[in-house]
Amino acid sequence: ADQCELYDLNNDPHEMTNLYDDPKQRDRILDMTARIRIWQAATGDEVDLPRV
């Protein structure tokens, strides 16, 4: 299965620290997931996203 990933490219340009499981990023992840779901609905994209 795919692993969820979130990186701070300004401070971690080599993507060494995955922030996805960082509790401080929860609101950001929820917001980004909601935006992706809106885009999916608008474009007919039916790929399942991981549950957040």
PDB file of N, CA and C in Angstrom:
ATOM      1  N   ALA A   1       0.844  -1.190   0.000  1.00  0.00           N
ATOM      2  CA  ALA A   1       0.000   0.000   0.000  1.00  0.00           C
ATOM      3  C   ALA A   1       0.882   1.243   0.000  1.00  0.00           C
ATOM      4  N   ASP A   2       0.330   2.297  -0.528  1.00  0.00           N
ATOM      5  CA  ASP A   2       1.064   3.557  -0.548  1.00  0.00           C
ATOM      6  C   ASP A   2       1.162   4.135   0.852  1.00  0.00           C
ATOM      7  N   GLN A   3       2.250   4.810   1.093  1.00  0.00           N
ATOM      8  CA  GLN A   3       2.446   5.481   2.367  1.00  0.00           C
ATOM      9  C   GLN A   3       2.109   6.955   2.189  1.00  0.00           C
ATOM     10  N   CYS A   4       1.401   7.516   3.140  1.00  0.00           N
ATOM     11  CA  CYS A   4       1.097   8.944   3.087  1.00  0.00           C
ATOM     12  C   CYS A   4       2.351   9.719   3.467  1.00  0.00           C
ATOM     13  N   GLU A   5       2.546  10.832   2.791  1.00  0.00           N
ATOM     14  CA  GLU A   5       3.745  11.621   3.031  1.00  0.00           C
ATOM     15  C   GLU A   5       3.412  13.103   3.060  1.00  0.00           C
ATOM     16  N   LEU A   6       4.136  13.827   3.903  1.00  0.00           N
ATOM     17  CA  LEU A   6       4.038  15.279   3.982  1.00  0.00           C
ATOM     18  C   LEU A   6       5.410  15.798   4.385  1.00  0.00           C
ATOM     19  N   TYR A   7       5.943  16.702   3.582  1.00  0.00           N
ATOM     20  CA  TYR A   7       7.276  17.243   3.845  1.00  0.00           C
ATOM     21  C   TYR A   7       7.241  18.759   3.865  1.00  0.00           C
ATOM     22  N   ASP A   8       8.107  19.339   4.656  1.00  0.00           N
ATOM     23  CA  ASP A   8       8.328  20.781   4.674  1.00  0.00           C
ATOM     24  C   ASP A   8       9.500  21.044   3.731  1.00  0.00           C
ATOM     25  N   LEU A   9       9.184  21.359   2.490  1.00  0.00           N
ATOM     26  CA  LEU A   9      10.235  21.484   1.484  1.00  0.00           C
ATOM     27  C   LEU A   9      11.135  22.693   1.705  1.00  0.00           C
ATOM     28  N   ASN A  10      10.664  23.681   2.444  1.00  0.00           N
ATOM     29  CA  ASN A  10      11.532  24.821   2.750  1.00  0.00           C
ATOM     30  C   ASN A  10      12.647  24.421   3.706  1.00  0.00           C
ATOM     31  N   ASN A  11      12.313  23.615   4.701  1.00  0.00           N
ATOM     32  CA  ASN A  11      13.296  23.223   5.710  1.00  0.00           C
ATOM     33  C   ASN A  11      13.872  21.828   5.492  1.00  0.00           C
ATOM     34  N   ASP A  12      13.262  21.074   4.605  1.00  0.00           N
ATOM     35  CA  ASP A  12      13.683  19.692   4.356  1.00  0.00           C
ATOM     36  C   ASP A  12      13.598  19.403   2.851  1.00  0.00           C
ATOM     37  N   PRO A  13      14.409  20.094   2.053  1.00  0.00           N
ATOM     38  CA  PRO A  13      14.291  19.961   0.596  1.00  0.00           C
ATOM     39  C   PRO A  13      14.609  18.561   0.063  1.00  0.00           C
ATOM     40  N   HIS A  14      15.277  17.749   0.856  1.00  0.00           N
ATOM     41  CA  HIS A  14      15.610  16.389   0.418  1.00  0.00           C
ATOM     42  C   HIS A  14      14.594  15.358   0.911  1.00  0.00           C
ATOM     43  N   GLU A  15      13.522  15.850   1.511  1.00  0.00           N
ATOM     44  CA  GLU A  15      12.413  15.004   1.964  1.00  0.00           C
ATOM     45  C   GLU A  15      12.893  13.845   2.838  1.00  0.00           C
ATOM     46  N   MET A  16      13.597  14.196   3.878  1.00  0.00           N
ATOM     47  CA  MET A  16      14.136  13.190   4.788  1.00  0.00           C
ATOM     48  C   MET A  16      13.214  12.919   5.980  1.00  0.00           C
ATOM     49  N   THR A  17      12.373  13.902   6.335  1.00  0.00           N
ATOM     50  CA  THR A  17      11.510  13.767   7.507  1.00  0.00           C
ATOM     51  C   THR A  17      10.050  13.847   7.081  1.00  0.00           C
ATOM     52  N   ASN A  18       9.378  12.709   7.134  1.00  0.00           N
ATOM     53  CA  ASN A  18       7.968  12.653   6.785  1.00  0.00           C
ATOM     54  C   ASN A  18       7.154  13.169   7.972  1.00  0.00           C
ATOM     55  N   LEU A  19       6.415  14.242   7.755  1.00  0.00           N
ATOM     56  CA  LEU A  19       5.642  14.876   8.823  1.00  0.00           C
ATOM     57  C   LEU A  19       4.202  14.371   8.897  1.00  0.00           C
ATOM     58  N   TYR A  20       3.852  13.416   8.077  1.00  0.00           N
ATOM     59  CA  TYR A  20       2.459  12.982   8.001  1.00  0.00           C
ATOM     60  C   TYR A  20       1.911  12.525   9.354  1.00  0.00           C
ATOM     61  N   ASP A  21       2.688  11.837  10.133  1.00  0.00           N
ATOM     62  CA  ASP A  21       2.203  11.328  11.423  1.00  0.00           C
ATOM     63  C   ASP A  21       2.409  12.300  12.580  1.00  0.00           C
ATOM     64  N   ASP A  22       2.901  13.486  12.290  1.00  0.00           N
ATOM     65  CA  ASP A  22       3.120  14.500  13.322  1.00  0.00           C
ATOM     66  C   ASP A  22       1.766  15.096  13.723  1.00  0.00           C
ATOM     67  N   PRO A  23       1.364  14.952  14.982  1.00  0.00           N
ATOM     68  CA  PRO A  23       0.060  15.479  15.414  1.00  0.00           C
ATOM     69  C   PRO A  23      -0.113  16.975  15.129  1.00  0.00           C
ATOM     70  N   LYS A  24       0.976  17.720  15.095  1.00  0.00           N
ATOM     71  CA  LYS A  24       0.888  19.157  14.814  1.00  0.00           C
ATOM     72  C   LYS A  24       0.460  19.429  13.375  1.00  0.00           C
ATOM     73  N   GLN A  25       0.529  18.436  12.517  1.00  0.00           N
ATOM     74  CA  GLN A  25       0.174  18.605  11.106  1.00  0.00           C
ATOM     75  C   GLN A  25      -1.246  18.133  10.791  1.00  0.00           C
ATOM     76  N   ARG A  26      -1.954  17.651  11.790  1.00  0.00           N
ATOM     77  CA  ARG A  26      -3.291  17.060  11.573  1.00  0.00           C
ATOM     78  C   ARG A  26      -4.243  18.018  10.851  1.00  0.00           C
ATOM     79  N   ASP A  27      -4.334  19.260  11.307  1.00  0.00           N
ATOM     80  CA  ASP A  27      -5.247  20.214  10.667  1.00  0.00           C
ATOM     81  C   ASP A  27      -4.849  20.473   9.219  1.00  0.00           C
ATOM     82  N   ARG A  28      -3.566  20.574   8.965  1.00  0.00           N
ATOM     83  CA  ARG A  28      -3.079  20.788   7.597  1.00  0.00           C
ATOM     84  C   ARG A  28      -3.467  19.601   6.712  1.00  0.00           C
ATOM     85  N   ILE A  29      -3.286  18.401   7.222  1.00  0.00           N
ATOM     86  CA  ILE A  29      -3.606  17.197   6.453  1.00  0.00           C
ATOM     87  C   ILE A  29      -5.105  17.113   6.189  1.00  0.00           C
ATOM     88  N   LEU A  30      -5.909  17.427   7.191  1.00  0.00           N
ATOM     89  CA  LEU A  30      -7.361  17.419   6.990  1.00  0.00           C
ATOM     90  C   LEU A  30      -7.767  18.442   5.932  1.00  0.00           C
ATOM     91  N   ASP A  31      -7.176  19.623   5.976  1.00  0.00           N
ATOM     92  CA  ASP A  31      -7.478  20.662   4.990  1.00  0.00           C
ATOM     93  C   ASP A  31      -7.062  20.224   3.591  1.00  0.00           C
ATOM     94  N   MET A  32      -5.871  19.696   3.473  1.00  0.00           N
ATOM     95  CA  MET A  32      -5.384  19.269   2.160  1.00  0.00           C
ATOM     96  C   MET A  32      -6.226  18.119   1.608  1.00  0.00           C
ATOM     97  N   THR A  33      -6.619  17.202   2.480  1.00  0.00           N
ATOM     98  CA  THR A  33      -7.453  16.083   2.049  1.00  0.00           C
ATOM     99  C   THR A  33      -8.807  16.580   1.558  1.00  0.00           C
ATOM    100  N   ALA A  34      -9.391  17.527   2.266  1.00  0.00           N
ATOM    101  CA  ALA A  34     -10.677  18.091   1.844  1.00  0.00           C
ATOM    102  C   ALA A  34     -10.545  18.762   0.479  1.00  0.00           C
ATOM    103  N   ARG A  35      -9.459  19.485   0.271  1.00  0.00           N
ATOM    104  CA  ARG A  35      -9.244  20.146  -1.021  1.00  0.00           C
ATOM    105  C   ARG A  35      -9.090  19.128  -2.150  1.00  0.00           C
ATOM    106  N   ILE A  36      -8.393  18.045  -1.863  1.00  0.00           N
ATOM    107  CA  ILE A  36      -8.226  17.004  -2.883  1.00  0.00           C
ATOM    108  C   ILE A  36      -9.575  16.367  -3.203  1.00  0.00           C
ATOM    109  N   ARG A  37     -10.380  16.112  -2.181  1.00  0.00           N
ATOM    110  CA  ARG A  37     -11.700  15.502  -2.416  1.00  0.00           C
ATOM    111  C   ARG A  37     -12.593  16.421  -3.264  1.00  0.00           C
ATOM    112  N   ILE A  38     -12.530  17.714  -3.031  1.00  0.00           N
ATOM    113  CA  ILE A  38     -13.292  18.672  -3.847  1.00  0.00           C
ATOM    114  C   ILE A  38     -12.810  18.610  -5.293  1.00  0.00           C
ATOM    115  N   TRP A  39     -11.504  18.591  -5.475  1.00  0.00           N
ATOM    116  CA  TRP A  39     -10.939  18.503  -6.821  1.00  0.00           C
ATOM    117  C   TRP A  39     -11.357  17.188  -7.488  1.00  0.00           C
ATOM    118  N   GLN A  40     -11.323  16.096  -6.725  1.00  0.00           N
ATOM    119  CA  GLN A  40     -11.723  14.807  -7.280  1.00  0.00           C
ATOM    120  C   GLN A  40     -13.169  14.852  -7.764  1.00  0.00           C
ATOM    121  N   ALA A  41     -14.044  15.428  -6.967  1.00  0.00           N
ATOM    122  CA  ALA A  41     -15.454  15.511  -7.355  1.00  0.00           C
ATOM    123  C   ALA A  41     -15.620  16.357  -8.618  1.00  0.00           C
ATOM    124  N   ALA A  42     -14.863  17.428  -8.711  1.00  0.00           N
ATOM    125  CA  ALA A  42     -14.981  18.330  -9.859  1.00  0.00           C
ATOM    126  C   ALA A  42     -14.427  17.720 -11.141  1.00  0.00           C
ATOM    127  N   THR A  43     -13.467  16.826 -11.007  1.00  0.00           N
ATOM    128  CA  THR A  43     -12.812  16.272 -12.192  1.00  0.00           C
ATOM    129  C   THR A  43     -13.212  14.835 -12.498  1.00  0.00           C
ATOM    130  N   GLY A  44     -14.015  14.237 -11.624  1.00  0.00           N
ATOM    131  CA  GLY A  44     -14.420  12.854 -11.842  1.00  0.00           C
ATOM    132  C   GLY A  44     -13.361  11.840 -11.441  1.00  0.00           C
ATOM    133  N   ASP A  45     -12.366  12.274 -10.708  1.00  0.00           N
ATOM    134  CA  ASP A  45     -11.315  11.372 -10.224  1.00  0.00           C
ATOM    135  C   ASP A  45     -11.911  10.465  -9.155  1.00  0.00           C
ATOM    136  N   GLU A  46     -11.781   9.165  -9.334  1.00  0.00           N
ATOM    137  CA  GLU A  46     -12.395   8.213  -8.405  1.00  0.00           C
ATOM    138  C   GLU A  46     -11.383   7.421  -7.588  1.00  0.00           C
ATOM    139  N   VAL A  47     -10.140   7.858  -7.562  1.00  0.00           N
ATOM    140  CA  VAL A  47      -9.116   7.158  -6.789  1.00  0.00           C
ATOM    141  C   VAL A  47      -9.419   7.316  -5.301  1.00  0.00           C
ATOM    142  N   ASP A  48      -9.387   6.213  -4.579  1.00  0.00           N
ATOM    143  CA  ASP A  48      -9.636   6.264  -3.140  1.00  0.00           C
ATOM    144  C   ASP A  48      -8.450   6.894  -2.423  1.00  0.00           C
ATOM    145  N   LEU A  49      -8.757   7.771  -1.490  1.00  0.00           N
ATOM    146  CA  LEU A  49      -7.731   8.358  -0.638  1.00  0.00           C
ATOM    147  C   LEU A  49      -7.712   7.615   0.687  1.00  0.00           C
ATOM    148  N   PRO A  50      -6.565   7.590   1.343  1.00  0.00           N
ATOM    149  CA  PRO A  50      -6.527   6.990   2.679  1.00  0.00           C
ATOM    150  C   PRO A  50      -7.440   7.758   3.626  1.00  0.00           C
ATOM    151  N   ARG A  51      -7.996   7.064   4.578  1.00  0.00           N
ATOM    152  CA  ARG A  51      -8.819   7.718   5.600  1.00  0.00           C
ATOM    153  C   ARG A  51      -7.917   8.533   6.514  1.00  0.00           C
ATOM    154  N   VAL A  52      -8.367   9.721   6.834  1.00  0.00           N
ATOM    155  CA  VAL A  52      -7.597  10.601   7.719  1.00  0.00           C
ATOM    156  C   VAL A  52      -8.319  10.700   9.035  1.00  0.00           C
TER     157      VAL A  52
END
